[in-house]
Amino acid sequence: MKVALEDIIQSIYLLPQQVLEEVLRHFQHLEYPKNYFLLKPGKPCQHLWFMTKGAVRYFYTNDQGKEMNTWFSLDTQILTDTTSFVQQVPAQESIQLLEDCEMYSIEYGTLQVLLQKHHSFALWYIKLVELHYVSQIEDRVADLQFLDAKQRYQKLLNQYPDITNRVSLGNIASYLNITQETLSRVRAGKL
């Protein structure tokens, strides 16, 4: 099923048709291959991406050179490094495609102009931040504090039932903040 950009935008907050049409004109359709980096550390994130197909991981590399996965996005999700995008400061993490991906992109400056011009679009943006940043981040922090490895893994499977077919077990273990050996025990029912 092909997901239209209009459907993604309207699912966040309904915009008047005239505003929606203007907003849609400012998005660019993009296709990138597996392993492509949308963002690397050190430069401000200049885009907000609306993925319609694919899988993406967010990660940073610690001082020992180990990659630590912080987030996954699969199929119809919004992508950006929120702190870097909103504050226009250098990104701390990378966003890498785990599959060939299709998406739409809008640039930071263009988004700011639209937010200033249309009150309804500003309300849309507030709802976007509430739904796709604040609630997700608070949920993630609570999971790491209060759920054990088995519960975190089960919650991930509930959110993304086919994730083990699309994301390596090493990346999943890193995201769950456990070793790959612990993940193997969880998957085998030994934990």
N, C-alpha and C. Protein backbone atom coordinates (compact mmCIF):
# COMPACT_ATOMS: atom_id res chain seq x y z
N MET A 1 0.84 -1.18 0.00
CA MET A 1 0.00 0.00 0.00
C MET A 1 0.89 1.25 0.00
N LYS A 2 0.71 2.08 -0.96
CA LYS A 2 1.48 3.31 -1.09
C LYS A 2 0.89 4.37 -0.17
N VAL A 3 1.72 4.93 0.69
CA VAL A 3 1.27 5.95 1.61
C VAL A 3 1.58 7.32 1.03
N ALA A 4 0.57 8.15 0.96
CA ALA A 4 0.74 9.48 0.41
C ALA A 4 1.22 10.45 1.48
N LEU A 5 2.06 11.38 1.08
CA LEU A 5 2.55 12.41 2.00
C LEU A 5 1.38 13.16 2.62
N GLU A 6 0.38 13.45 1.84
CA GLU A 6 -0.80 14.16 2.34
C GLU A 6 -1.43 13.40 3.51
N ASP A 7 -1.52 12.08 3.40
CA ASP A 7 -2.10 11.27 4.47
C ASP A 7 -1.27 11.34 5.75
N ILE A 8 0.05 11.32 5.59
CA ILE A 8 0.94 11.41 6.76
C ILE A 8 0.74 12.75 7.46
N ILE A 9 0.76 13.82 6.68
CA ILE A 9 0.61 15.16 7.25
C ILE A 9 -0.75 15.31 7.94
N GLN A 10 -1.80 14.89 7.27
CA GLN A 10 -3.15 15.06 7.82
C GLN A 10 -3.41 14.17 9.03
N SER A 11 -2.65 13.07 9.16
CA SER A 11 -2.84 12.21 10.32
C SER A 11 -2.31 12.85 11.60
N ILE A 12 -1.46 13.83 11.47
CA ILE A 12 -0.88 14.52 12.63
C ILE A 12 -1.83 15.60 13.14
N TYR A 13 -2.32 16.42 12.22
CA TYR A 13 -3.25 17.50 12.54
C TYR A 13 -3.83 17.98 11.22
N LEU A 14 -5.14 18.05 11.14
CA LEU A 14 -5.79 18.42 9.89
C LEU A 14 -5.52 19.88 9.52
N LEU A 15 -4.99 20.06 8.33
CA LEU A 15 -4.71 21.40 7.83
C LEU A 15 -5.80 21.79 6.84
N PRO A 16 -6.13 23.09 6.77
CA PRO A 16 -7.04 23.54 5.72
C PRO A 16 -6.45 23.21 4.34
N GLN A 17 -7.29 22.92 3.37
CA GLN A 17 -6.83 22.47 2.06
C GLN A 17 -5.81 23.41 1.42
N GLN A 18 -6.05 24.72 1.50
CA GLN A 18 -5.14 25.69 0.88
C GLN A 18 -3.75 25.63 1.53
N VAL A 19 -3.71 25.52 2.86
CA VAL A 19 -2.43 25.43 3.57
C VAL A 19 -1.75 24.11 3.23
N LEU A 20 -2.52 23.02 3.24
CA LEU A 20 -1.97 21.71 2.90
C LEU A 20 -1.31 21.73 1.52
N GLU A 21 -1.99 22.30 0.55
CA GLU A 21 -1.44 22.34 -0.82
C GLU A 21 -0.13 23.12 -0.87
N GLU A 22 -0.07 24.23 -0.14
CA GLU A 22 1.18 25.00 -0.12
C GLU A 22 2.30 24.21 0.56
N VAL A 23 1.99 23.57 1.68
CA VAL A 23 2.99 22.78 2.40
C VAL A 23 3.50 21.66 1.51
N LEU A 24 2.61 20.94 0.85
CA LEU A 24 3.00 19.81 0.00
C LEU A 24 3.97 20.25 -1.11
N ARG A 25 3.82 21.44 -1.62
CA ARG A 25 4.70 21.93 -2.69
C ARG A 25 6.15 22.07 -2.24
N HIS A 26 6.36 22.16 -0.93
CA HIS A 26 7.72 22.38 -0.42
C HIS A 26 8.45 21.09 -0.04
N PHE A 27 7.79 19.96 -0.17
CA PHE A 27 8.44 18.68 0.11
C PHE A 27 9.04 18.11 -1.18
N GLN A 28 10.18 17.48 -1.03
CA GLN A 28 10.87 16.85 -2.15
C GLN A 28 10.81 15.33 -1.96
N HIS A 29 10.45 14.61 -3.02
CA HIS A 29 10.45 13.14 -2.96
C HIS A 29 11.87 12.64 -3.18
N LEU A 30 12.32 11.69 -2.32
CA LEU A 30 13.68 11.18 -2.39
C LEU A 30 13.68 9.66 -2.29
N GLU A 31 14.67 9.04 -2.91
CA GLU A 31 14.91 7.60 -2.77
C GLU A 31 16.40 7.42 -2.54
N TYR A 32 16.74 6.64 -1.50
CA TYR A 32 18.13 6.42 -1.15
C TYR A 32 18.37 4.92 -0.98
N PRO A 33 19.62 4.47 -1.24
CA PRO A 33 19.93 3.05 -1.10
C PRO A 33 20.27 2.67 0.35
N LYS A 34 20.19 1.39 0.60
CA LYS A 34 20.59 0.84 1.89
C LYS A 34 22.00 1.32 2.25
N ASN A 35 22.23 1.59 3.51
CA ASN A 35 23.49 2.04 4.10
C ASN A 35 23.78 3.53 3.90
N TYR A 36 22.93 4.24 3.17
CA TYR A 36 23.10 5.68 2.98
C TYR A 36 22.92 6.39 4.33
N PHE A 37 23.70 7.44 4.57
CA PHE A 37 23.58 8.23 5.79
C PHE A 37 22.79 9.50 5.49
N LEU A 38 21.65 9.66 6.14
CA LEU A 38 20.91 10.91 6.05
C LEU A 38 21.61 12.00 6.85
N LEU A 39 22.28 11.58 7.92
CA LEU A 39 22.92 12.53 8.82
C LEU A 39 24.13 11.88 9.46
N LYS A 40 25.18 12.67 9.59
CA LYS A 40 26.37 12.26 10.33
C LYS A 40 26.67 13.32 11.37
N PRO A 41 27.35 12.94 12.45
CA PRO A 41 27.65 13.91 13.51
C PRO A 41 28.50 15.08 13.02
N GLY A 42 28.30 16.21 13.69
CA GLY A 42 29.15 17.36 13.43
C GLY A 42 28.52 18.47 12.62
N LYS A 43 27.41 18.19 11.93
CA LYS A 43 26.72 19.22 11.15
C LYS A 43 25.28 19.31 11.63
N PRO A 44 24.71 20.51 11.61
CA PRO A 44 23.30 20.62 12.00
C PRO A 44 22.39 19.84 11.04
N CYS A 45 21.36 19.24 11.60
CA CYS A 45 20.37 18.53 10.80
C CYS A 45 19.51 19.58 10.09
N GLN A 46 19.51 19.55 8.77
CA GLN A 46 18.82 20.57 7.98
C GLN A 46 17.47 20.11 7.44
N HIS A 47 17.07 18.86 7.73
CA HIS A 47 15.85 18.32 7.13
C HIS A 47 14.96 17.60 8.12
N LEU A 48 13.70 17.61 7.79
CA LEU A 48 12.69 16.78 8.42
C LEU A 48 12.24 15.84 7.30
N TRP A 49 12.37 14.53 7.54
CA TRP A 49 12.03 13.54 6.53
C TRP A 49 10.78 12.78 6.94
N PHE A 50 9.93 12.49 5.99
CA PHE A 50 8.75 11.67 6.21
C PHE A 50 8.97 10.41 5.38
N MET A 51 9.37 9.34 6.04
CA MET A 51 9.66 8.08 5.34
C MET A 51 8.35 7.37 5.00
N THR A 52 8.26 6.88 3.78
CA THR A 52 7.08 6.13 3.35
C THR A 52 7.38 4.65 3.18
N LYS A 53 8.67 4.31 3.10
CA LYS A 53 9.06 2.91 2.94
C LYS A 53 10.52 2.78 3.36
N GLY A 54 10.81 1.78 4.19
CA GLY A 54 12.20 1.52 4.55
C GLY A 54 12.41 1.32 6.03
N ALA A 55 13.68 1.21 6.39
CA ALA A 55 14.09 1.03 7.79
C ALA A 55 15.34 1.87 8.03
N VAL A 56 15.38 2.51 9.21
CA VAL A 56 16.45 3.44 9.55
C VAL A 56 16.87 3.20 10.99
N ARG A 57 18.15 3.42 11.25
CA ARG A 57 18.61 3.39 12.63
C ARG A 57 19.28 4.71 12.97
N TYR A 58 19.14 5.09 14.24
CA TYR A 58 19.83 6.25 14.80
C TYR A 58 20.89 5.68 15.73
N PHE A 59 22.10 6.19 15.65
CA PHE A 59 23.13 5.71 16.56
C PHE A 59 24.20 6.76 16.76
N TYR A 60 24.94 6.60 17.84
CA TYR A 60 26.12 7.40 18.07
C TYR A 60 27.28 6.44 18.32
N THR A 61 28.48 6.94 18.21
CA THR A 61 29.66 6.14 18.46
C THR A 61 30.29 6.66 19.75
N ASN A 62 30.46 5.76 20.72
CA ASN A 62 31.00 6.20 22.02
C ASN A 62 32.52 6.41 21.93
N ASP A 63 33.11 6.82 23.04
CA ASP A 63 34.55 7.14 23.08
C ASP A 63 35.44 5.94 22.77
N GLN A 64 34.91 4.73 22.98
CA GLN A 64 35.66 3.50 22.69
C GLN A 64 35.45 3.05 21.24
N GLY A 65 34.69 3.81 20.45
CA GLY A 65 34.45 3.46 19.05
C GLY A 65 33.30 2.49 18.82
N LYS A 66 32.52 2.23 19.87
CA LYS A 66 31.40 1.30 19.76
C LYS A 66 30.13 2.05 19.36
N GLU A 67 29.42 1.50 18.36
CA GLU A 67 28.17 2.10 17.92
C GLU A 67 27.05 1.71 18.89
N MET A 68 26.30 2.70 19.32
CA MET A 68 25.19 2.51 20.25
C MET A 68 23.90 2.97 19.57
N ASN A 69 23.01 2.03 19.29
CA ASN A 69 21.75 2.36 18.63
C ASN A 69 20.78 2.99 19.63
N THR A 70 20.16 4.08 19.22
CA THR A 70 19.24 4.79 20.11
C THR A 70 17.80 4.73 19.65
N TRP A 71 17.58 4.44 18.36
CA TRP A 71 16.21 4.48 17.84
C TRP A 71 16.15 3.75 16.51
N PHE A 72 14.99 3.21 16.20
CA PHE A 72 14.71 2.66 14.88
C PHE A 72 13.44 3.32 14.35
N SER A 73 13.38 3.51 13.05
CA SER A 73 12.16 3.95 12.39
C SER A 73 11.93 3.02 11.22
N LEU A 74 10.72 2.50 11.14
CA LEU A 74 10.36 1.59 10.05
C LEU A 74 9.13 2.11 9.32
N ASP A 75 9.22 2.09 8.02
CA ASP A 75 8.13 2.45 7.11
C ASP A 75 7.61 3.86 7.36
N THR A 76 6.36 4.04 7.63
CA THR A 76 5.76 5.38 7.63
C THR A 76 6.04 6.12 8.94
N GLN A 77 7.23 6.65 9.05
CA GLN A 77 7.60 7.40 10.24
C GLN A 77 8.35 8.68 9.88
N ILE A 78 8.40 9.58 10.85
CA ILE A 78 9.09 10.85 10.69
C ILE A 78 10.51 10.71 11.19
N LEU A 79 11.45 11.26 10.45
CA LEU A 79 12.86 11.14 10.78
C LEU A 79 13.48 12.52 10.93
N THR A 80 14.28 12.68 11.96
CA THR A 80 15.14 13.85 12.11
C THR A 80 15.93 13.66 13.40
N ASP A 81 16.99 14.40 13.55
CA ASP A 81 17.66 14.51 14.85
C ASP A 81 17.02 15.74 15.48
N THR A 82 16.07 15.52 16.35
CA THR A 82 15.22 16.60 16.83
C THR A 82 16.00 17.74 17.47
N THR A 83 16.92 17.43 18.36
CA THR A 83 17.68 18.49 19.04
C THR A 83 18.48 19.29 18.02
N SER A 84 19.18 18.61 17.14
CA SER A 84 19.98 19.29 16.13
C SER A 84 19.10 20.11 15.20
N PHE A 85 17.97 19.55 14.78
CA PHE A 85 17.07 20.23 13.85
C PHE A 85 16.46 21.48 14.48
N VAL A 86 15.91 21.34 15.67
CA VAL A 86 15.21 22.45 16.31
C VAL A 86 16.17 23.56 16.71
N GLN A 87 17.33 23.20 17.25
CA GLN A 87 18.28 24.21 17.73
C GLN A 87 19.32 24.60 16.68
N GLN A 88 19.36 23.86 15.57
CA GLN A 88 20.36 24.08 14.52
C GLN A 88 21.77 24.06 15.09
N VAL A 89 22.04 23.00 15.87
CA VAL A 89 23.37 22.75 16.43
C VAL A 89 23.90 21.47 15.80
N PRO A 90 25.22 21.25 15.86
CA PRO A 90 25.76 20.02 15.27
C PRO A 90 25.13 18.76 15.85
N ALA A 91 24.84 17.82 14.99
CA ALA A 91 24.25 16.54 15.40
C ALA A 91 25.26 15.74 16.19
N GLN A 92 24.76 14.97 17.14
CA GLN A 92 25.59 14.07 17.93
C GLN A 92 25.51 12.64 17.40
N GLU A 93 24.44 12.32 16.68
CA GLU A 93 24.26 10.95 16.22
C GLU A 93 24.14 10.89 14.71
N SER A 94 24.19 9.67 14.22
CA SER A 94 24.04 9.39 12.79
C SER A 94 22.66 8.80 12.54
N ILE A 95 22.16 9.04 11.33
CA ILE A 95 20.93 8.38 10.87
C ILE A 95 21.31 7.64 9.60
N GLN A 96 21.23 6.29 9.67
CA GLN A 96 21.66 5.44 8.57
C GLN A 96 20.51 4.56 8.10
N LEU A 97 20.38 4.41 6.79
CA LEU A 97 19.35 3.56 6.22
C LEU A 97 19.76 2.09 6.31
N LEU A 98 18.84 1.26 6.80
CA LEU A 98 19.08 -0.18 6.90
C LEU A 98 18.49 -0.92 5.70
N GLU A 99 17.70 -0.23 4.91
CA GLU A 99 17.10 -0.76 3.68
C GLU A 99 17.04 0.37 2.67
N ASP A 100 16.77 0.04 1.41
CA ASP A 100 16.45 1.07 0.45
C ASP A 100 15.22 1.81 0.98
N CYS A 101 15.22 3.13 0.89
CA CYS A 101 14.14 3.91 1.49
C CYS A 101 13.57 4.93 0.50
N GLU A 102 12.28 5.19 0.69
CA GLU A 102 11.60 6.28 -0.01
C GLU A 102 11.09 7.24 1.05
N MET A 103 11.20 8.53 0.75
CA MET A 103 10.79 9.53 1.74
C MET A 103 10.55 10.87 1.08
N TYR A 104 10.00 11.76 1.86
CA TYR A 104 9.82 13.15 1.47
C TYR A 104 10.61 13.99 2.46
N SER A 105 11.12 15.11 1.98
CA SER A 105 11.98 15.95 2.82
C SER A 105 11.57 17.40 2.70
N ILE A 106 11.65 18.11 3.83
CA ILE A 106 11.48 19.57 3.83
C ILE A 106 12.66 20.16 4.59
N GLU A 107 13.18 21.27 4.09
CA GLU A 107 14.33 21.91 4.71
C GLU A 107 13.91 22.77 5.90
N TYR A 108 14.82 22.92 6.84
CA TYR A 108 14.58 23.69 8.06
C TYR A 108 14.09 25.11 7.75
N GLY A 109 14.81 25.81 6.90
CA GLY A 109 14.45 27.21 6.59
C GLY A 109 13.06 27.32 5.99
N THR A 110 12.72 26.43 5.09
CA THR A 110 11.40 26.43 4.46
C THR A 110 10.32 26.16 5.50
N LEU A 111 10.59 25.20 6.37
CA LEU A 111 9.64 24.88 7.43
C LEU A 111 9.39 26.10 8.31
N GLN A 112 10.46 26.82 8.66
CA GLN A 112 10.31 28.01 9.50
C GLN A 112 9.45 29.08 8.84
N VAL A 113 9.62 29.27 7.54
CA VAL A 113 8.81 30.25 6.81
C VAL A 113 7.34 29.85 6.86
N LEU A 114 7.06 28.58 6.63
CA LEU A 114 5.67 28.09 6.65
C LEU A 114 5.07 28.21 8.05
N LEU A 115 5.86 27.96 9.08
CA LEU A 115 5.37 28.09 10.45
C LEU A 115 5.00 29.53 10.77
N GLN A 116 5.78 30.48 10.28
CA GLN A 116 5.50 31.90 10.50
C GLN A 116 4.27 32.35 9.71
N LYS A 117 4.08 31.77 8.56
CA LYS A 117 3.02 32.20 7.64
C LYS A 117 1.64 31.65 8.01
N HIS A 118 1.59 30.42 8.53
CA HIS A 118 0.30 29.75 8.72
C HIS A 118 0.13 29.28 10.17
N HIS A 119 -0.82 29.88 10.87
CA HIS A 119 -1.12 29.49 12.24
C HIS A 119 -1.47 28.01 12.32
N SER A 120 -2.26 27.52 11.39
CA SER A 120 -2.66 26.10 11.42
C SER A 120 -1.46 25.18 11.25
N PHE A 121 -0.48 25.60 10.47
CA PHE A 121 0.71 24.79 10.29
C PHE A 121 1.57 24.81 11.56
N ALA A 122 1.57 25.94 12.27
CA ALA A 122 2.28 26.01 13.56
C ALA A 122 1.62 25.06 14.56
N LEU A 123 0.30 24.99 14.56
CA LEU A 123 -0.41 24.04 15.43
C LEU A 123 -0.08 22.61 15.02
N TRP A 124 0.02 22.37 13.73
CA TRP A 124 0.41 21.04 13.21
C TRP A 124 1.79 20.66 13.76
N TYR A 125 2.72 21.61 13.72
CA TYR A 125 4.09 21.35 14.16
C TYR A 125 4.14 21.04 15.66
N ILE A 126 3.36 21.77 16.45
CA ILE A 126 3.29 21.49 17.89
C ILE A 126 2.81 20.07 18.11
N LYS A 127 1.80 19.66 17.37
CA LYS A 127 1.26 18.30 17.52
C LYS A 127 2.30 17.27 17.08
N LEU A 128 3.04 17.56 16.03
CA LEU A 128 4.11 16.68 15.57
C LEU A 128 5.14 16.46 16.68
N VAL A 129 5.57 17.55 17.30
CA VAL A 129 6.56 17.46 18.38
C VAL A 129 6.01 16.67 19.56
N GLU A 130 4.75 16.91 19.91
CA GLU A 130 4.13 16.17 21.02
C GLU A 130 4.07 14.68 20.73
N LEU A 131 3.62 14.32 19.54
CA LEU A 131 3.41 12.92 19.19
C LEU A 131 4.70 12.17 18.91
N HIS A 132 5.61 12.83 18.21
CA HIS A 132 6.77 12.11 17.68
C HIS A 132 8.08 12.45 18.37
N TYR A 133 8.01 13.22 19.41
CA TYR A 133 9.24 13.46 20.14
C TYR A 133 9.00 13.32 21.64
N VAL A 134 8.21 14.18 22.21
CA VAL A 134 8.04 14.18 23.66
C VAL A 134 7.55 12.84 24.17
N SER A 135 6.45 12.34 23.63
CA SER A 135 5.89 11.09 24.15
C SER A 135 6.82 9.90 23.88
N GLN A 136 7.46 9.87 22.70
CA GLN A 136 8.36 8.76 22.39
C GLN A 136 9.59 8.76 23.29
N ILE A 137 10.16 9.92 23.54
CA ILE A 137 11.36 10.01 24.37
C ILE A 137 11.04 9.64 25.81
N GLU A 138 9.94 10.15 26.33
CA GLU A 138 9.57 9.80 27.70
C GLU A 138 9.30 8.30 27.82
N ASP A 139 8.66 7.72 26.83
CA ASP A 139 8.39 6.29 26.82
C ASP A 139 9.70 5.50 26.80
N ARG A 140 10.65 5.92 25.98
CA ARG A 140 11.94 5.25 25.86
C ARG A 140 12.71 5.30 27.19
N VAL A 141 12.73 6.45 27.82
CA VAL A 141 13.43 6.59 29.11
C VAL A 141 12.79 5.68 30.16
N ALA A 142 11.47 5.67 30.21
CA ALA A 142 10.76 4.82 31.17
C ALA A 142 11.06 3.34 30.91
N ASP A 143 11.10 2.94 29.64
CA ASP A 143 11.41 1.55 29.31
C ASP A 143 12.78 1.16 29.85
N LEU A 144 13.77 2.00 29.63
CA LEU A 144 15.13 1.68 30.08
C LEU A 144 15.23 1.66 31.61
N GLN A 145 14.41 2.45 32.28
CA GLN A 145 14.47 2.49 33.74
C GLN A 145 13.67 1.36 34.40
N PHE A 146 12.52 1.00 33.82
CA PHE A 146 11.60 0.15 34.54
C PHE A 146 11.34 -1.23 33.95
N LEU A 147 11.74 -1.46 32.71
CA LEU A 147 11.51 -2.76 32.09
C LEU A 147 12.79 -3.58 32.05
N ASP A 148 12.66 -4.89 32.26
CA ASP A 148 13.85 -5.74 32.11
C ASP A 148 14.06 -6.06 30.63
N ALA A 149 15.13 -6.76 30.32
CA ALA A 149 15.51 -7.04 28.93
C ALA A 149 14.39 -7.75 28.17
N LYS A 150 13.78 -8.74 28.79
CA LYS A 150 12.70 -9.49 28.13
C LYS A 150 11.52 -8.58 27.82
N GLN A 151 11.15 -7.73 28.76
CA GLN A 151 10.02 -6.81 28.55
C GLN A 151 10.33 -5.78 27.47
N ARG A 152 11.56 -5.27 27.44
CA ARG A 152 11.93 -4.30 26.40
C ARG A 152 11.89 -4.95 25.03
N TYR A 153 12.39 -6.20 24.94
CA TYR A 153 12.37 -6.91 23.66
C TYR A 153 10.93 -7.17 23.21
N GLN A 154 10.08 -7.60 24.12
CA GLN A 154 8.69 -7.86 23.76
C GLN A 154 7.98 -6.59 23.31
N LYS A 155 8.25 -5.50 23.97
CA LYS A 155 7.65 -4.22 23.59
C LYS A 155 8.10 -3.81 22.19
N LEU A 156 9.39 -4.02 21.90
CA LEU A 156 9.91 -3.72 20.56
C LEU A 156 9.21 -4.58 19.51
N LEU A 157 9.03 -5.87 19.80
CA LEU A 157 8.32 -6.76 18.86
C LEU A 157 6.87 -6.35 18.68
N ASN A 158 6.24 -5.88 19.75
CA ASN A 158 4.86 -5.41 19.63
C ASN A 158 4.77 -4.18 18.74
N GLN A 159 5.76 -3.32 18.85
CA GLN A 159 5.77 -2.10 18.03
C GLN A 159 6.13 -2.40 16.58
N TYR A 160 7.11 -3.29 16.38
CA TYR A 160 7.60 -3.64 15.04
C TYR A 160 7.66 -5.17 14.92
N PRO A 161 6.55 -5.82 14.60
CA PRO A 161 6.51 -7.29 14.59
C PRO A 161 7.55 -7.95 13.67
N ASP A 162 7.93 -7.28 12.58
CA ASP A 162 8.88 -7.88 11.65
C ASP A 162 10.30 -7.33 11.78
N ILE A 163 10.61 -6.69 12.90
CA ILE A 163 11.91 -6.03 13.04
C ILE A 163 13.07 -7.02 12.94
N THR A 164 12.92 -8.25 13.43
CA THR A 164 14.04 -9.19 13.39
C THR A 164 14.35 -9.64 11.98
N ASN A 165 13.45 -9.41 11.04
CA ASN A 165 13.70 -9.71 9.63
C ASN A 165 14.34 -8.53 8.90
N ARG A 166 14.36 -7.38 9.55
CA ARG A 166 14.80 -6.17 8.87
C ARG A 166 16.01 -5.50 9.52
N VAL A 167 16.25 -5.81 10.79
CA VAL A 167 17.33 -5.17 11.55
C VAL A 167 18.18 -6.27 12.17
N SER A 168 19.50 -6.12 12.12
CA SER A 168 20.38 -7.15 12.68
C SER A 168 20.18 -7.29 14.19
N LEU A 169 20.43 -8.49 14.67
CA LEU A 169 20.29 -8.75 16.11
C LEU A 169 21.28 -7.92 16.92
N GLY A 170 22.45 -7.66 16.35
CA GLY A 170 23.43 -6.81 17.03
C GLY A 170 22.90 -5.40 17.23
N ASN A 171 22.25 -4.85 16.21
CA ASN A 171 21.66 -3.51 16.33
C ASN A 171 20.50 -3.51 17.32
N ILE A 172 19.70 -4.57 17.30
CA ILE A 172 18.58 -4.67 18.24
C ILE A 172 19.10 -4.75 19.68
N ALA A 173 20.12 -5.57 19.91
CA ALA A 173 20.69 -5.71 21.25
C ALA A 173 21.22 -4.36 21.74
N SER A 174 21.91 -3.64 20.88
CA SER A 174 22.44 -2.34 21.25
C SER A 174 21.30 -1.39 21.64
N TYR A 175 20.24 -1.38 20.86
CA TYR A 175 19.08 -0.52 21.16
C TYR A 175 18.45 -0.88 22.51
N LEU A 176 18.38 -2.18 22.80
CA LEU A 176 17.79 -2.64 24.06
C LEU A 176 18.73 -2.46 25.25
N ASN A 177 19.96 -2.03 24.96
CA ASN A 177 20.99 -1.82 25.98
C ASN A 177 21.37 -3.12 26.68
N ILE A 178 21.50 -4.18 25.87
CA ILE A 178 21.92 -5.50 26.36
C ILE A 178 22.95 -6.05 25.39
N THR A 179 23.64 -7.12 25.81
CA THR A 179 24.59 -7.76 24.92
C THR A 179 23.83 -8.65 23.93
N GLN A 180 24.50 -9.01 22.86
CA GLN A 180 23.88 -9.91 21.88
C GLN A 180 23.64 -11.29 22.50
N GLU A 181 24.50 -11.69 23.42
CA GLU A 181 24.32 -12.97 24.10
C GLU A 181 23.05 -12.95 24.97
N THR A 182 22.82 -11.84 25.67
CA THR A 182 21.60 -11.71 26.47
C THR A 182 20.38 -11.73 25.56
N LEU A 183 20.46 -11.07 24.43
CA LEU A 183 19.34 -11.09 23.48
C LEU A 183 19.07 -12.51 23.01
N SER A 184 20.11 -13.27 22.74
CA SER A 184 19.94 -14.66 22.32
C SER A 184 19.21 -15.47 23.39
N ARG A 185 19.57 -15.25 24.66
CA ARG A 185 18.89 -15.95 25.77
C ARG A 185 17.43 -15.52 25.87
N VAL A 186 17.17 -14.24 25.70
CA VAL A 186 15.79 -13.74 25.74
C VAL A 186 14.98 -14.39 24.63
N ARG A 187 15.54 -14.42 23.43
CA ARG A 187 14.83 -14.99 22.26
C ARG A 187 14.59 -16.49 22.42
N ALA A 188 15.51 -17.17 23.12
CA ALA A 188 15.38 -18.61 23.34
C ALA A 188 14.49 -18.95 24.53
N GLY A 189 14.01 -17.91 25.23
CA GLY A 189 13.15 -18.13 26.39
C GLY A 189 13.90 -18.56 27.62
N LYS A 190 15.20 -18.31 27.65
CA LYS A 190 16.02 -18.73 28.79
C LYS A 190 16.21 -17.60 29.80
N LEU A 191 15.52 -16.51 29.58
CA LEU A 191 15.65 -15.38 30.49
C LEU A 191 14.29 -14.81 30.78
